[in-house]
């Protein structure tokens, strides 16, 4: 839902024609496309400025990916003791809330602003992974960053803040958690973070190898190949970034523990399974990223790495989901039942 109004002598906006994205409906991973459609609609109405208020970190990242300037900590969410009790674990729940202007007093002069609803229609949302890749390539170029110069690494972690949100740690909610002191919990969070970063790094290694193998092949289009170059570049930067954190503050990258067995594949099966594995790694990592990148209890450098990772991964997931859907539509109907069951069983065990 968007709003717009030509103002005159307004104390904040003067004589600007102001647009506002007042509310939206969709999954956080689709935020970029939804907000792009809303912005294009308002742009077509001739607005001078588009504003929004949003609490959810996934949607905030979607605004940033569309070129919005994000002003952090401009709004507070305050809960009564009774509401806080209902929302336990409160810190984790608070970071997942989707709050906009329509949740409180409404957008600026709401009663006087014409309201319209816009959808990410087929004209604005490309249908194929190849078409989406063109826009993702543009965004990757605009959002490019340097892993060696853009991160200010502290000499040491403070030792007073968590590196993993307590609610995401393996022993949270168990009797073992209750036996630890706060200092021990903070220390444990560093090693749980190290496990998460190592798992992500080790999962991205075969992803990089597989993506490289698909460049300039008949398995992807020319537009998809162009985007896969950025996909590869970003995944490589993620491995460098996580490796630098782990070597600086933990002293090592945790090794990968798996045994690869030779097997034969039905036609198209290996391709489908590759992108299934890619999405398992990326969706899992992105969930943790979104939970921690705005958590003020966590070390600033850890928040920053989660935020950097999420911004790139949101584009990777958008492409991967569409491409996997197209692969599934292409191959699943041709497979005999035994192959479909085999893939379904493998995927269930993998997740």
C-alpha atoms as a PDB file:
ATOM      1  CA  UNK A   1       0.000   0.000   0.000  1.00  0.00           C
ATOM      2  CA  UNK A   2       1.405   3.361  -1.022  1.00  0.00           C
ATOM      3  CA  UNK A   3       0.394   6.968  -0.397  1.00  0.00           C
ATOM      4  CA  UNK A   4       1.308  10.256  -2.042  1.00  0.00           C
ATOM      5  CA  UNK A   5       0.473  13.935  -1.667  1.00  0.00           C
ATOM      6  CA  UNK A   6       1.586  17.245  -3.109  1.00  0.00           C
ATOM      7  CA  UNK A   7       2.498  19.277  -0.035  1.00  0.00           C
ATOM      8  CA  UNK A   8       2.639  23.050   0.365  1.00  0.00           C
ATOM      9  CA  UNK A   9       4.572  24.822   3.078  1.00  0.00           C
ATOM     10  CA  UNK A  10       4.939  21.637   5.106  1.00  0.00           C
ATOM     11  CA  UNK A  11       7.342  22.092   8.070  1.00  0.00           C
ATOM     12  CA  UNK A  12       9.206  18.894   7.150  1.00  0.00           C
ATOM     13  CA  UNK A  13       8.853  18.530   3.391  1.00  0.00           C
ATOM     14  CA  UNK A  14       8.140  22.039   2.154  1.00  0.00           C
ATOM     15  CA  UNK A  15       6.481  21.950  -1.288  1.00  0.00           C
ATOM     16  CA  UNK A  16       7.616  18.448  -2.250  1.00  0.00           C
ATOM     17  CA  UNK A  17       5.357  15.820  -3.765  1.00  0.00           C
ATOM     18  CA  UNK A  18       5.891  13.100  -1.138  1.00  0.00           C
ATOM     19  CA  UNK A  19       5.256   9.391  -1.569  1.00  0.00           C
ATOM     20  CA  UNK A  20       5.204   6.783   1.132  1.00  0.00           C
ATOM     21  CA  UNK A  21       5.282   3.004   1.198  1.00  0.00           C
ATOM     22  CA  UNK A  22       2.822   2.586   4.032  1.00  0.00           C
ATOM     23  CA  UNK A  23       2.493  -1.201   4.209  1.00  0.00           C
ATOM     24  CA  UNK A  24       3.343  -4.331   2.254  1.00  0.00           C
ATOM     25  CA  UNK A  25       2.504  -8.019   2.173  1.00  0.00           C
ATOM     26  CA  UNK A  26       4.934 -10.824   1.335  1.00  0.00           C
ATOM     27  CA  UNK A  27       7.857 -12.876   2.581  1.00  0.00           C
ATOM     28  CA  UNK A  28      11.060 -11.030   3.616  1.00  0.00           C
ATOM     29  CA  UNK A  29      13.059 -12.739   0.881  1.00  0.00           C
ATOM     30  CA  UNK A  30      10.716 -11.162  -1.687  1.00  0.00           C
ATOM     31  CA  UNK A  31      11.027  -7.687  -0.165  1.00  0.00           C
ATOM     32  CA  UNK A  32      13.351  -6.365  -2.863  1.00  0.00           C
ATOM     33  CA  UNK A  33      10.944  -7.146  -5.719  1.00  0.00           C
ATOM     34  CA  UNK A  34       7.858  -5.962  -3.823  1.00  0.00           C
ATOM     35  CA  UNK A  35       9.471  -2.661  -2.840  1.00  0.00           C
ATOM     36  CA  UNK A  36      10.805  -2.188  -6.368  1.00  0.00           C
ATOM     37  CA  UNK A  37       7.242  -2.462  -7.696  1.00  0.00           C
ATOM     38  CA  UNK A  38       5.979   0.019  -5.082  1.00  0.00           C
ATOM     39  CA  UNK A  39       8.760   2.499  -5.824  1.00  0.00           C
ATOM     40  CA  UNK A  40       8.223   2.270  -9.592  1.00  0.00           C
ATOM     41  CA  UNK A  41       4.506   2.951  -9.073  1.00  0.00           C
ATOM     42  CA  UNK A  42       5.226   6.042  -6.982  1.00  0.00           C
ATOM     43  CA  UNK A  43       7.918   7.177  -9.396  1.00  0.00           C
ATOM     44  CA  UNK A  44       5.354   6.978 -12.184  1.00  0.00           C
ATOM     45  CA  UNK A  45       3.113   9.325 -10.190  1.00  0.00           C
ATOM     46  CA  UNK A  46       5.871  11.949 -10.230  1.00  0.00           C
ATOM     47  CA  UNK A  47       6.774  12.038  -6.536  1.00  0.00           C
ATOM     48  CA  UNK A  48       9.929  13.878  -5.433  1.00  0.00           C
ATOM     49  CA  UNK A  49      10.650  11.727  -2.385  1.00  0.00           C
ATOM     50  CA  UNK A  50       9.631   8.294  -1.083  1.00  0.00           C
ATOM     51  CA  UNK A  51       9.675   7.517   2.640  1.00  0.00           C
ATOM     52  CA  UNK A  52       8.841   4.493   4.759  1.00  0.00           C
ATOM     53  CA  UNK A  53       9.065   3.220   8.315  1.00  0.00           C
ATOM     54  CA  UNK A  54       9.886  -0.450   8.834  1.00  0.00           C
ATOM     55  CA  UNK A  55      11.155  -2.583  11.703  1.00  0.00           C
ATOM     56  CA  UNK A  56      11.868  -5.997  10.184  1.00  0.00           C
ATOM     57  CA  UNK A  57      15.587  -6.399   9.264  1.00  0.00           C
ATOM     58  CA  UNK A  58      14.773  -8.370   6.118  1.00  0.00           C
ATOM     59  CA  UNK A  59      12.518  -5.620   4.807  1.00  0.00           C
ATOM     60  CA  UNK A  60      14.984  -2.915   5.855  1.00  0.00           C
ATOM     61  CA  UNK A  61      17.595  -4.704   3.764  1.00  0.00           C
ATOM     62  CA  UNK A  62      15.119  -4.761   0.873  1.00  0.00           C
ATOM     63  CA  UNK A  63      14.828  -0.980   1.061  1.00  0.00           C
ATOM     64  CA  UNK A  64      18.611  -0.639   1.129  1.00  0.00           C
ATOM     65  CA  UNK A  65      18.933  -2.895  -1.922  1.00  0.00           C
ATOM     66  CA  UNK A  66      16.548  -0.549  -3.767  1.00  0.00           C
ATOM     67  CA  UNK A  67      18.697   2.488  -3.046  1.00  0.00           C
ATOM     68  CA  UNK A  68      16.901   3.867   0.026  1.00  0.00           C
ATOM     69  CA  UNK A  69      18.957   5.626   2.685  1.00  0.00           C
ATOM     70  CA  UNK A  70      18.430   3.678   5.925  1.00  0.00           C
ATOM     71  CA  UNK A  71      18.319   5.771   9.092  1.00  0.00           C
ATOM     72  CA  UNK A  72      18.752   3.347  11.962  1.00  0.00           C
ATOM     73  CA  UNK A  73      17.247   3.578  15.449  1.00  0.00           C
ATOM     74  CA  UNK A  74      14.751   6.323  14.591  1.00  0.00           C
ATOM     75  CA  UNK A  75      11.811   4.458  16.148  1.00  0.00           C
ATOM     76  CA  UNK A  76      11.412   2.518  19.383  1.00  0.00           C
ATOM     77  CA  UNK A  77       9.249  -0.515  20.070  1.00  0.00           C
ATOM     78  CA  UNK A  78       8.280  -0.529  23.737  1.00  0.00           C
ATOM     79  CA  UNK A  79       6.332  -3.397  25.289  1.00  0.00           C
ATOM     80  CA  UNK A  80       4.465  -3.514  28.571  1.00  0.00           C
ATOM     81  CA  UNK A  81       5.568  -6.240  31.017  1.00  0.00           C
ATOM     82  CA  UNK A  82       2.460  -8.230  30.088  1.00  0.00           C
ATOM     83  CA  UNK A  83       3.139  -7.998  26.343  1.00  0.00           C
ATOM     84  CA  UNK A  84       6.821  -8.784  26.832  1.00  0.00           C
ATOM     85  CA  UNK A  85       5.837 -11.966  28.685  1.00  0.00           C
ATOM     86  CA  UNK A  86       3.601 -13.006  25.761  1.00  0.00           C
ATOM     87  CA  UNK A  87       6.370 -12.401  23.241  1.00  0.00           C
ATOM     88  CA  UNK A  88       9.030 -14.532  24.927  1.00  0.00           C
ATOM     89  CA  UNK A  89      11.789 -15.027  23.936  1.00  0.00           C
ATOM     90  CA  UNK A  90      11.321 -11.264  23.664  1.00  0.00           C
ATOM     91  CA  UNK A  91      14.592 -10.189  22.032  1.00  0.00           C
ATOM     92  CA  UNK A  92      14.294 -12.798  19.301  1.00  0.00           C
ATOM     93  CA  UNK A  93      10.594 -12.091  18.709  1.00  0.00           C
ATOM     94  CA  UNK A  94      11.109  -8.322  18.693  1.00  0.00           C
ATOM     95  CA  UNK A  95      13.600  -8.573  15.835  1.00  0.00           C
ATOM     96  CA  UNK A  96      11.088 -10.573  13.778  1.00  0.00           C
ATOM     97  CA  UNK A  97       8.196  -8.136  14.107  1.00  0.00           C
ATOM     98  CA  UNK A  98       6.882  -6.482  10.966  1.00  0.00           C
ATOM     99  CA  UNK A  99       5.910  -2.980  12.049  1.00  0.00           C
ATOM    100  CA  UNK A 100       5.086  -0.086   9.723  1.00  0.00           C
ATOM    101  CA  UNK A 101       3.332   3.262   9.963  1.00  0.00           C
ATOM    102  CA  UNK A 102      -0.036   1.579   9.693  1.00  0.00           C
ATOM    103  CA  UNK A 103       0.688  -0.242  12.961  1.00  0.00           C
ATOM    104  CA  UNK A 104       0.642   3.047  14.867  1.00  0.00           C
ATOM    105  CA  UNK A 105      -0.485   6.543  13.900  1.00  0.00           C
ATOM    106  CA  UNK A 106      -0.485   6.062  10.129  1.00  0.00           C
ATOM    107  CA  UNK A 107       1.553   7.887   7.499  1.00  0.00           C
ATOM    108  CA  UNK A 108       1.954  11.646   7.455  1.00  0.00           C
ATOM    109  CA  UNK A 109      -1.478  13.285   7.180  1.00  0.00           C
ATOM    110  CA  UNK A 110      -2.946   9.881   6.281  1.00  0.00           C
ATOM    111  CA  UNK A 111      -6.559  11.003   6.226  1.00  0.00           C
ATOM    112  CA  UNK A 112      -5.766  13.561   3.549  1.00  0.00           C
ATOM    113  CA  UNK A 113      -3.455  11.444   1.373  1.00  0.00           C
ATOM    114  CA  UNK A 114      -4.862   9.389  -1.524  1.00  0.00           C
ATOM    115  CA  UNK A 115      -4.064   5.720  -0.879  1.00  0.00           C
ATOM    116  CA  UNK A 116      -3.493   3.136  -3.611  1.00  0.00           C
ATOM    117  CA  UNK A 117      -2.485  -0.487  -3.622  1.00  0.00           C
ATOM    118  CA  UNK A 118       0.149  -1.722  -6.036  1.00  0.00           C
ATOM    119  CA  UNK A 119       1.135  -5.292  -6.841  1.00  0.00           C
ATOM    120  CA  UNK A 120       4.312  -6.807  -8.214  1.00  0.00           C
ATOM    121  CA  UNK A 121       2.528  -7.674 -11.460  1.00  0.00           C
ATOM    122  CA  UNK A 122       3.967  -9.632 -14.338  1.00  0.00           C
ATOM    123  CA  UNK A 123       4.947  -6.360 -16.002  1.00  0.00           C
ATOM    124  CA  UNK A 124       7.221  -5.509 -13.094  1.00  0.00           C
ATOM    125  CA  UNK A 125       8.242  -8.930 -11.871  1.00  0.00           C
ATOM    126  CA  UNK A 126      10.064 -10.960 -14.548  1.00  0.00           C
ATOM    127  CA  UNK A 127       8.833 -14.523 -14.926  1.00  0.00           C
ATOM    128  CA  UNK A 128      12.071 -16.386 -15.483  1.00  0.00           C
ATOM    129  CA  UNK A 129      15.288 -16.767 -13.514  1.00  0.00           C
ATOM    130  CA  UNK A 130      17.144 -15.443 -16.552  1.00  0.00           C
ATOM    131  CA  UNK A 131      15.094 -12.231 -16.570  1.00  0.00           C
ATOM    132  CA  UNK A 132      15.526 -11.779 -12.823  1.00  0.00           C
ATOM    133  CA  UNK A 133      19.274 -12.312 -13.260  1.00  0.00           C
ATOM    134  CA  UNK A 134      19.478  -9.111 -15.325  1.00  0.00           C
ATOM    135  CA  UNK A 135      18.156  -7.024 -12.434  1.00  0.00           C
ATOM    136  CA  UNK A 136      20.225  -8.919  -9.869  1.00  0.00           C
ATOM    137  CA  UNK A 137      23.349  -8.213 -11.915  1.00  0.00           C
ATOM    138  CA  UNK A 138      22.547  -4.500 -11.789  1.00  0.00           C
ATOM    139  CA  UNK A 139      22.000  -4.625  -8.030  1.00  0.00           C
ATOM    140  CA  UNK A 140      25.216  -6.570  -7.448  1.00  0.00           C
ATOM    141  CA  UNK A 141      27.180  -3.969  -9.365  1.00  0.00           C
ATOM    142  CA  UNK A 142      25.567  -1.134  -7.418  1.00  0.00           C
ATOM    143  CA  UNK A 143      26.087  -2.881  -4.054  1.00  0.00           C
ATOM    144  CA  UNK A 144      29.598  -4.180  -4.684  1.00  0.00           C
ATOM    145  CA  UNK A 145      31.950  -4.037  -1.699  1.00  0.00           C
ATOM    146  CA  UNK A 146      35.596  -4.767  -0.959  1.00  0.00           C
ATOM    147  CA  UNK A 147      36.161  -7.502   1.602  1.00  0.00           C
ATOM    148  CA  UNK A 148      39.729  -6.299   2.270  1.00  0.00           C
ATOM    149  CA  UNK A 149      39.039  -2.603   2.880  1.00  0.00           C
ATOM    150  CA  UNK A 150      35.367  -2.166   3.825  1.00  0.00           C
ATOM    151  CA  UNK A 151      35.447  -4.034   7.152  1.00  0.00           C
ATOM    152  CA  UNK A 152      37.052  -2.386  10.191  1.00  0.00           C
ATOM    153  CA  UNK A 153      38.332  -5.352  12.210  1.00  0.00           C
ATOM    154  CA  UNK A 154      38.728  -4.695  15.953  1.00  0.00           C
ATOM    155  CA  UNK A 155      41.956  -5.884  17.535  1.00  0.00           C
ATOM    156  CA  UNK A 156      39.947  -8.123  19.831  1.00  0.00           C
ATOM    157  CA  UNK A 157      36.347  -8.896  20.741  1.00  0.00           C
ATOM    158  CA  UNK A 158      35.036  -7.160  23.838  1.00  0.00           C
ATOM    159  CA  UNK A 159      34.258 -10.400  25.655  1.00  0.00           C
ATOM    160  CA  UNK A 160      31.196  -8.692  27.110  1.00  0.00           C
ATOM    161  CA  UNK A 161      28.752  -9.225  24.243  1.00  0.00           C
ATOM    162  CA  UNK A 162      27.418 -12.348  22.621  1.00  0.00           C
ATOM    163  CA  UNK A 163      28.600 -13.577  19.231  1.00  0.00           C
ATOM    164  CA  UNK A 164      25.487 -15.716  18.746  1.00  0.00           C
ATOM    165  CA  UNK A 165      21.996 -14.797  19.916  1.00  0.00           C
ATOM    166  CA  UNK A 166      21.334 -16.841  23.080  1.00  0.00           C
ATOM    167  CA  UNK A 167      18.027 -18.128  21.701  1.00  0.00           C
ATOM    168  CA  UNK A 168      19.887 -19.648  18.721  1.00  0.00           C
ATOM    169  CA  UNK A 169      22.524 -21.455  20.786  1.00  0.00           C
ATOM    170  CA  UNK A 170      22.418 -25.233  21.041  1.00  0.00           C
ATOM    171  CA  UNK A 171      21.779 -25.506  24.791  1.00  0.00           C
ATOM    172  CA  UNK A 172      19.337 -22.583  25.101  1.00  0.00           C
ATOM    173  CA  UNK A 173      16.298 -23.596  27.139  1.00  0.00           C
ATOM    174  CA  UNK A 174      17.994 -26.644  28.661  1.00  0.00           C
ATOM    175  CA  UNK A 175      19.194 -27.303  32.190  1.00  0.00           C
ATOM    176  CA  UNK A 176      22.774 -26.968  30.940  1.00  0.00           C
ATOM    177  CA  UNK A 177      22.151 -23.316  30.035  1.00  0.00           C
ATOM    178  CA  UNK A 178      20.953 -22.610  33.560  1.00  0.00           C
ATOM    179  CA  UNK A 179      24.186 -23.922  35.071  1.00  0.00           C
ATOM    180  CA  UNK A 180      26.413 -21.469  33.144  1.00  0.00           C
ATOM    181  CA  UNK A 181      27.459 -18.047  34.357  1.00  0.00           C
ATOM    182  CA  UNK A 182      26.935 -15.079  32.064  1.00  0.00           C
ATOM    183  CA  UNK A 183      30.660 -15.040  31.298  1.00  0.00           C
ATOM    184  CA  UNK A 184      30.542 -18.711  30.300  1.00  0.00           C
ATOM    185  CA  UNK A 185      27.493 -18.123  28.099  1.00  0.00           C
ATOM    186  CA  UNK A 186      29.231 -15.286  26.280  1.00  0.00           C
ATOM    187  CA  UNK A 187      32.330 -17.443  25.816  1.00  0.00           C
ATOM    188  CA  UNK A 188      30.263 -20.342  24.489  1.00  0.00           C
ATOM    189  CA  UNK A 189      28.534 -17.988  22.033  1.00  0.00           C
ATOM    190  CA  UNK A 190      31.886 -17.311  20.359  1.00  0.00           C
ATOM    191  CA  UNK A 191      32.395 -21.012  19.633  1.00  0.00           C
ATOM    192  CA  UNK A 192      28.810 -21.460  18.472  1.00  0.00           C
ATOM    193  CA  UNK A 193      29.329 -18.483  16.151  1.00  0.00           C
ATOM    194  CA  UNK A 194      32.570 -20.077  14.950  1.00  0.00           C
ATOM    195  CA  UNK A 195      30.662 -23.269  14.181  1.00  0.00           C
ATOM    196  CA  UNK A 196      28.020 -21.296  12.246  1.00  0.00           C
ATOM    197  CA  UNK A 197      30.563 -19.264  10.262  1.00  0.00           C
ATOM    198  CA  UNK A 198      32.639 -22.399   9.552  1.00  0.00           C
ATOM    199  CA  UNK A 199      29.550 -24.320   8.445  1.00  0.00           C
ATOM    200  CA  UNK A 200      28.621 -21.475   6.106  1.00  0.00           C
ATOM    201  CA  UNK A 201      32.154 -21.202   4.730  1.00  0.00           C
ATOM    202  CA  UNK A 202      32.425 -24.951   4.166  1.00  0.00           C
ATOM    203  CA  UNK A 203      29.018 -24.983   2.490  1.00  0.00           C
ATOM    204  CA  UNK A 204      30.039 -22.197   0.126  1.00  0.00           C
ATOM    205  CA  UNK A 205      33.193 -23.983  -1.100  1.00  0.00           C
ATOM    206  CA  UNK A 206      31.366 -26.608  -3.205  1.00  0.00           C
ATOM    207  CA  UNK A 207      28.843 -23.959  -4.210  1.00  0.00           C
ATOM    208  CA  UNK A 208      31.616 -21.831  -5.729  1.00  0.00           C
ATOM    209  CA  UNK A 209      33.041 -24.867  -7.521  1.00  0.00           C
ATOM    210  CA  UNK A 210      29.642 -25.848  -8.905  1.00  0.00           C
ATOM    211  CA  UNK A 211      28.743 -22.347 -10.041  1.00  0.00           C
ATOM    212  CA  UNK A 212      32.093 -21.991 -11.798  1.00  0.00           C
ATOM    213  CA  UNK A 213      31.454 -25.254 -13.618  1.00  0.00           C
ATOM    214  CA  UNK A 214      28.172 -23.869 -14.972  1.00  0.00           C
ATOM    215  CA  UNK A 215      29.589 -20.648 -16.445  1.00  0.00           C
ATOM    216  CA  UNK A 216      29.190 -20.426 -20.234  1.00  0.00           C
ATOM    217  CA  UNK A 217      27.515 -23.819 -20.369  1.00  0.00           C
ATOM    218  CA  UNK A 218      24.213 -24.839 -21.917  1.00  0.00           C
ATOM    219  CA  UNK A 219      22.819 -25.365 -18.432  1.00  0.00           C
ATOM    220  CA  UNK A 220      22.298 -21.604 -17.918  1.00  0.00           C
ATOM    221  CA  UNK A 221      21.482 -18.696 -20.203  1.00  0.00           C
ATOM    222  CA  UNK A 222      23.848 -15.869 -21.128  1.00  0.00           C
ATOM    223  CA  UNK A 223      22.055 -13.492 -18.732  1.00  0.00           C
ATOM    224  CA  UNK A 224      22.268 -16.054 -15.933  1.00  0.00           C
ATOM    225  CA  UNK A 225      25.964 -16.565 -16.663  1.00  0.00           C
ATOM    226  CA  UNK A 226      26.519 -12.823 -16.277  1.00  0.00           C
ATOM    227  CA  UNK A 227      24.858 -12.918 -12.866  1.00  0.00           C
ATOM    228  CA  UNK A 228      26.723 -16.077 -11.825  1.00  0.00           C
ATOM    229  CA  UNK A 229      29.971 -14.092 -12.117  1.00  0.00           C
ATOM    230  CA  UNK A 230      28.667 -11.766  -9.369  1.00  0.00           C
ATOM    231  CA  UNK A 231      27.243 -14.721  -7.438  1.00  0.00           C
ATOM    232  CA  UNK A 232      30.707 -16.312  -7.461  1.00  0.00           C
ATOM    233  CA  UNK A 233      32.465 -13.077  -6.537  1.00  0.00           C
ATOM    234  CA  UNK A 234      30.156 -12.530  -3.570  1.00  0.00           C
ATOM    235  CA  UNK A 235      30.439 -16.109  -2.320  1.00  0.00           C
ATOM    236  CA  UNK A 236      34.216 -15.874  -2.526  1.00  0.00           C
ATOM    237  CA  UNK A 237      34.134 -12.665  -0.480  1.00  0.00           C
ATOM    238  CA  UNK A 238      31.957 -14.393   2.094  1.00  0.00           C
ATOM    239  CA  UNK A 239      34.518 -17.175   2.500  1.00  0.00           C
ATOM    240  CA  UNK A 240      37.317 -14.627   2.872  1.00  0.00           C
ATOM    241  CA  UNK A 241      35.257 -12.639   5.378  1.00  0.00           C
ATOM    242  CA  UNK A 242      34.318 -15.596   7.553  1.00  0.00           C
ATOM    243  CA  UNK A 243      37.839 -17.016   7.309  1.00  0.00           C
ATOM    244  CA  UNK A 244      39.321 -13.711   8.490  1.00  0.00           C
ATOM    245  CA  UNK A 245      36.957 -13.619  11.486  1.00  0.00           C
ATOM    246  CA  UNK A 246      37.673 -17.219  12.437  1.00  0.00           C
ATOM    247  CA  UNK A 247      41.448 -16.941  12.137  1.00  0.00           C
ATOM    248  CA  UNK A 248      41.521 -13.637  14.040  1.00  0.00           C
ATOM    249  CA  UNK A 249      39.293 -14.472  16.975  1.00  0.00           C
ATOM    250  CA  UNK A 250      39.101 -18.285  17.167  1.00  0.00           C
ATOM    251  CA  UNK A 251      42.413 -19.331  15.639  1.00  0.00           C
ATOM    252  CA  UNK A 252      41.070 -21.709  13.001  1.00  0.00           C
ATOM    253  CA  UNK A 253      38.296 -22.636  10.611  1.00  0.00           C
ATOM    254  CA  UNK A 254      36.406 -25.709  11.819  1.00  0.00           C
ATOM    255  CA  UNK A 255      36.922 -28.552   9.320  1.00  0.00           C
ATOM    256  CA  UNK A 256      34.236 -30.085   7.157  1.00  0.00           C
ATOM    257  CA  UNK A 257      33.134 -33.526   8.276  1.00  0.00           C
ATOM    258  CA  UNK A 258      31.523 -35.599   5.544  1.00  0.00           C
ATOM    259  CA  UNK A 259      32.218 -38.547   3.296  1.00  0.00           C
ATOM    260  CA  UNK A 260      31.461 -38.175  -0.413  1.00  0.00           C
ATOM    261  CA  UNK A 261      30.365 -41.430  -2.087  1.00  0.00           C
ATOM    262  CA  UNK A 262      30.271 -42.049  -5.814  1.00  0.00           C
ATOM    263  CA  UNK A 263      26.818 -42.453  -7.317  1.00  0.00           C
ATOM    264  CA  UNK A 264      25.020 -42.331 -10.629  1.00  0.00           C
ATOM    265  CA  UNK A 265      22.335 -39.778 -11.484  1.00  0.00           C
ATOM    266  CA  UNK A 266      19.262 -39.750 -13.648  1.00  0.00           C
ATOM    267  CA  UNK A 267      19.198 -37.094 -16.357  1.00  0.00           C
ATOM    268  CA  UNK A 268      18.827 -33.676 -14.708  1.00  0.00           C
ATOM    269  CA  UNK A 269      19.051 -35.130 -11.187  1.00  0.00           C
ATOM    270  CA  UNK A 270      22.502 -33.782 -10.369  1.00  0.00           C
ATOM    271  CA  UNK A 271      21.490 -30.300 -11.544  1.00  0.00           C
ATOM    272  CA  UNK A 272      18.361 -30.274  -9.370  1.00  0.00           C
ATOM    273  CA  UNK A 273      20.273 -31.611  -6.367  1.00  0.00           C
ATOM    274  CA  UNK A 274      23.033 -29.017  -6.750  1.00  0.00           C
ATOM    275  CA  UNK A 275      20.627 -26.094  -6.491  1.00  0.00           C
ATOM    276  CA  UNK A 276      18.713 -27.842  -3.690  1.00  0.00           C
ATOM    277  CA  UNK A 277      21.964 -28.029  -1.711  1.00  0.00           C
ATOM    278  CA  UNK A 278      22.744 -24.412  -2.537  1.00  0.00           C
ATOM    279  CA  UNK A 279      19.377 -23.244  -1.205  1.00  0.00           C
ATOM    280  CA  UNK A 280      19.641 -25.359   1.959  1.00  0.00           C
ATOM    281  CA  UNK A 281      22.970 -23.701   2.794  1.00  0.00           C
ATOM    282  CA  UNK A 282      21.789 -20.207   1.883  1.00  0.00           C
ATOM    283  CA  UNK A 283      18.311 -20.312   3.422  1.00  0.00           C
ATOM    284  CA  UNK A 284      19.650 -21.714   6.691  1.00  0.00           C
ATOM    285  CA  UNK A 285      22.448 -19.157   6.877  1.00  0.00           C
ATOM    286  CA  UNK A 286      20.173 -16.281   5.955  1.00  0.00           C
ATOM    287  CA  UNK A 287      17.739 -17.166   8.748  1.00  0.00           C
ATOM    288  CA  UNK A 288      20.529 -16.816  11.289  1.00  0.00           C
ATOM    289  CA  UNK A 289      21.802 -13.640   9.583  1.00  0.00           C
ATOM    290  CA  UNK A 290      18.413 -11.965   9.840  1.00  0.00           C
ATOM    291  CA  UNK A 291      18.012 -12.938  13.474  1.00  0.00           C
ATOM    292  CA  UNK A 292      21.392 -11.524  14.507  1.00  0.00           C
ATOM    293  CA  UNK A 293      22.284  -8.588  12.252  1.00  0.00           C
ATOM    294  CA  UNK A 294      20.166  -6.154  14.265  1.00  0.00           C
ATOM    295  CA  UNK A 295      20.616  -7.676  17.728  1.00  0.00           C
ATOM    296  CA  UNK A 296      22.277  -5.098  19.977  1.00  0.00           C
ATOM    297  CA  UNK A 297      23.399  -7.808  22.416  1.00  0.00           C
ATOM    298  CA  UNK A 298      25.825  -9.102  19.795  1.00  0.00           C
ATOM    299  CA  UNK A 299      29.372  -7.917  19.063  1.00  0.00           C
ATOM    300  CA  UNK A 300      29.265  -5.126  16.424  1.00  0.00           C
ATOM    301  CA  UNK A 301      31.661  -6.932  14.083  1.00  0.00           C
ATOM    302  CA  UNK A 302      29.481 -10.064  14.186  1.00  0.00           C
ATOM    303  CA  UNK A 303      26.373  -7.992  13.436  1.00  0.00           C
ATOM    304  CA  UNK A 304      28.185  -6.398  10.512  1.00  0.00           C
ATOM    305  CA  UNK A 305      29.232  -9.723   9.005  1.00  0.00           C
ATOM    306  CA  UNK A 306      25.703 -11.088   9.317  1.00  0.00           C
ATOM    307  CA  UNK A 307      24.359  -7.950   7.653  1.00  0.00           C
ATOM    308  CA  UNK A 308      26.867  -8.075   4.780  1.00  0.00           C
ATOM    309  CA  UNK A 309      26.141 -11.737   4.210  1.00  0.00           C
ATOM    310  CA  UNK A 310      22.364 -11.241   4.217  1.00  0.00           C
ATOM    311  CA  UNK A 311      22.446  -8.434   1.655  1.00  0.00           C
ATOM    312  CA  UNK A 312      24.190 -10.637  -0.895  1.00  0.00           C
ATOM    313  CA  UNK A 313      22.351 -13.830   0.032  1.00  0.00           C
ATOM    314  CA  UNK A 314      18.937 -12.236  -0.503  1.00  0.00           C
ATOM    315  CA  UNK A 315      19.833 -11.906  -4.196  1.00  0.00           C
ATOM    316  CA  UNK A 316      21.302 -15.410  -4.386  1.00  0.00           C
ATOM    317  CA  UNK A 317      18.149 -16.901  -2.858  1.00  0.00           C
ATOM    318  CA  UNK A 318      15.904 -14.955  -5.231  1.00  0.00           C
ATOM    319  CA  UNK A 319      17.761 -16.379  -8.233  1.00  0.00           C
ATOM    320  CA  UNK A 320      18.163 -19.871  -6.777  1.00  0.00           C
ATOM    321  CA  UNK A 321      14.484 -20.335  -6.000  1.00  0.00           C
ATOM    322  CA  UNK A 322      13.387 -19.366  -9.487  1.00  0.00           C
ATOM    323  CA  UNK A 323      16.077 -21.427 -11.189  1.00  0.00           C
ATOM    324  CA  UNK A 324      15.321 -24.483  -9.058  1.00  0.00           C
ATOM    325  CA  UNK A 325      11.614 -24.151  -9.809  1.00  0.00           C
ATOM    326  CA  UNK A 326      12.376 -24.106 -13.532  1.00  0.00           C
ATOM    327  CA  UNK A 327      14.682 -27.119 -13.217  1.00  0.00           C
ATOM    328  CA  UNK A 328      12.034 -29.014 -11.265  1.00  0.00           C
ATOM    329  CA  UNK A 329       9.376 -28.232 -13.844  1.00  0.00           C
ATOM    330  CA  UNK A 330      11.760 -29.387 -16.554  1.00  0.00           C
ATOM    331  CA  UNK A 331      12.913 -32.705 -15.061  1.00  0.00           C
ATOM    332  CA  UNK A 332      10.563 -34.055 -12.392  1.00  0.00           C
ATOM    333  CA  UNK A 333       7.842 -35.024 -14.870  1.00  0.00           C
ATOM    334  CA  UNK A 334      10.367 -37.092 -16.847  1.00  0.00           C
ATOM    335  CA  UNK A 335      11.744 -39.035 -13.886  1.00  0.00           C
ATOM    336  CA  UNK A 336      10.294 -42.408 -12.928  1.00  0.00           C
ATOM    337  CA  UNK A 337       8.761 -42.626  -9.481  1.00  0.00           C
ATOM    338  CA  UNK A 338      11.837 -44.300  -7.958  1.00  0.00           C
ATOM    339  CA  UNK A 339      14.013 -41.301  -8.888  1.00  0.00           C
ATOM    340  CA  UNK A 340      11.525 -38.780  -7.476  1.00  0.00           C
ATOM    341  CA  UNK A 341      11.310 -40.767  -4.227  1.00  0.00           C
ATOM    342  CA  UNK A 342      15.109 -40.991  -4.072  1.00  0.00           C
ATOM    343  CA  UNK A 343      15.517 -37.238  -4.441  1.00  0.00           C
ATOM    344  CA  UNK A 344      12.709 -36.491  -1.976  1.00  0.00           C
ATOM    345  CA  UNK A 345      14.246 -38.846   0.590  1.00  0.00           C
ATOM    346  CA  UNK A 346      17.696 -37.336   0.130  1.00  0.00           C
ATOM    347  CA  UNK A 347      16.336 -33.809   0.475  1.00  0.00           C
ATOM    348  CA  UNK A 348      14.377 -34.664   3.630  1.00  0.00           C
ATOM    349  CA  UNK A 349      17.518 -36.110   5.227  1.00  0.00           C
ATOM    350  CA  UNK A 350      19.587 -33.104   4.131  1.00  0.00           C
ATOM    351  CA  UNK A 351      17.276 -30.588   5.778  1.00  0.00           C
END
